[in-house]
Amino acid sequence: MGQLYKTVNLVQEMKKQAMIDELVKMGIIKNPAALEGKDYHDIKQLLAAALVKIESPENEWF
């Protein structure tokens, strides 16, 4: 059970880093170190919100 937990955490950390890289590439954030305290789910939500705002101009309200 411990190995599964470590693997899931490692995969989430890798996905988190990929999402941070995507946010930097999109120009949403300038300093990736500012997101170090955030967890995987917070960054996933931030990326989703950024993608919705970029892809849908009518969603400029948030």
C-alpha atoms as a PDB file:
ATOM      1  CA  MET A   1       0.000   0.000   0.000  1.00  0.00           C
ATOM      2  CA  GLY A   2       2.869   2.375   0.733  1.00  0.00           C
ATOM      3  CA  GLN A   3       4.338   1.905  -2.737  1.00  0.00           C
ATOM      4  CA  LEU A   4       0.998   2.759  -4.379  1.00  0.00           C
ATOM      5  CA  TYR A   5       0.730   5.928  -2.293  1.00  0.00           C
ATOM      6  CA  LYS A   6       4.256   6.995  -3.247  1.00  0.00           C
ATOM      7  CA  THR A   7       3.555   6.289  -6.920  1.00  0.00           C
ATOM      8  CA  VAL A   8       0.328   8.298  -6.943  1.00  0.00           C
ATOM      9  CA  ASN A   9       2.063  11.229  -5.240  1.00  0.00           C
ATOM     10  CA  LEU A  10       4.928  11.076  -7.733  1.00  0.00           C
ATOM     11  CA  VAL A  11       2.537  11.011 -10.700  1.00  0.00           C
ATOM     12  CA  GLN A  12       0.580  13.959  -9.300  1.00  0.00           C
ATOM     13  CA  GLU A  13       3.808  15.882  -8.743  1.00  0.00           C
ATOM     14  CA  MET A  14       4.843  15.233 -12.348  1.00  0.00           C
ATOM     15  CA  LYS A  15       1.432  16.349 -13.635  1.00  0.00           C
ATOM     16  CA  LYS A  16       1.626  19.420 -11.389  1.00  0.00           C
ATOM     17  CA  GLN A  17       4.975  20.380 -12.895  1.00  0.00           C
ATOM     18  CA  ALA A  18       3.632  19.860 -16.429  1.00  0.00           C
ATOM     19  CA  MET A  19       0.655  22.115 -15.661  1.00  0.00           C
ATOM     20  CA  ILE A  20       2.953  24.790 -14.212  1.00  0.00           C
ATOM     21  CA  ASP A  21       5.053  24.613 -17.377  1.00  0.00           C
ATOM     22  CA  GLU A  22       1.881  25.009 -19.456  1.00  0.00           C
ATOM     23  CA  LEU A  23       0.811  28.071 -17.440  1.00  0.00           C
ATOM     24  CA  VAL A  24       4.256  29.627 -17.947  1.00  0.00           C
ATOM     25  CA  LYS A  25       4.154  28.855 -21.670  1.00  0.00           C
ATOM     26  CA  MET A  26       0.695  30.458 -21.928  1.00  0.00           C
ATOM     27  CA  GLY A  27       1.990  33.557 -20.152  1.00  0.00           C
ATOM     28  CA  ILE A  28      -0.495  33.241 -17.287  1.00  0.00           C
ATOM     29  CA  ILE A  29       2.229  33.196 -14.649  1.00  0.00           C
ATOM     30  CA  LYS A  30       5.698  34.671 -14.735  1.00  0.00           C
ATOM     31  CA  ASN A  31       7.225  33.140 -11.607  1.00  0.00           C
ATOM     32  CA  PRO A  32       6.649  29.376 -11.252  1.00  0.00           C
ATOM     33  CA  ALA A  33       8.141  29.439  -7.751  1.00  0.00           C
ATOM     34  CA  ALA A  34       5.040  31.319  -6.586  1.00  0.00           C
ATOM     35  CA  LEU A  35       3.008  28.131  -7.110  1.00  0.00           C
ATOM     36  CA  GLU A  36       5.249  25.851  -5.048  1.00  0.00           C
ATOM     37  CA  GLY A  37       2.918  26.006  -2.039  1.00  0.00           C
ATOM     38  CA  LYS A  38      -0.107  24.974  -4.092  1.00  0.00           C
ATOM     39  CA  ASP A  39      -1.146  21.375  -4.461  1.00  0.00           C
ATOM     40  CA  TYR A  40      -2.028  19.432  -7.599  1.00  0.00           C
ATOM     41  CA  HIS A  41      -5.751  20.181  -7.434  1.00  0.00           C
ATOM     42  CA  ASP A  42      -5.272  23.955  -6.985  1.00  0.00           C
ATOM     43  CA  ILE A  43      -3.024  24.163 -10.037  1.00  0.00           C
ATOM     44  CA  LYS A  44      -5.364  21.958 -12.060  1.00  0.00           C
ATOM     45  CA  GLN A  45      -8.229  24.337 -11.240  1.00  0.00           C
ATOM     46  CA  LEU A  46      -6.119  27.372 -12.174  1.00  0.00           C
ATOM     47  CA  LEU A  47      -5.160  25.831 -15.515  1.00  0.00           C
ATOM     48  CA  ALA A  48      -8.774  24.879 -16.262  1.00  0.00           C
ATOM     49  CA  ALA A  49      -9.954  28.418 -15.503  1.00  0.00           C
ATOM     50  CA  ALA A  50      -7.228  29.881 -17.718  1.00  0.00           C
ATOM     51  CA  LEU A  51      -8.141  27.582 -20.597  1.00  0.00           C
ATOM     52  CA  VAL A  52     -11.845  28.435 -20.340  1.00  0.00           C
ATOM     53  CA  LYS A  53     -11.090  32.153 -20.291  1.00  0.00           C
ATOM     54  CA  ILE A  54      -8.739  31.937 -23.280  1.00  0.00           C
ATOM     55  CA  GLU A  55     -10.921  29.673 -25.396  1.00  0.00           C
ATOM     56  CA  SER A  56     -14.201  31.486 -24.712  1.00  0.00           C
ATOM     57  CA  PRO A  57     -14.126  35.277 -25.028  1.00  0.00           C
ATOM     58  CA  GLU A  58     -17.698  35.462 -23.684  1.00  0.00           C
ATOM     59  CA  ASN A  59     -16.370  34.171 -20.371  1.00  0.00           C
ATOM     60  CA  GLU A  60     -14.468  37.375 -19.611  1.00  0.00           C
ATOM     61  CA  TRP A  61     -16.461  37.922 -16.415  1.00  0.00           C
ATOM     62  CA  PHE A  62     -14.127  35.918 -14.172  1.00  0.00           C
END
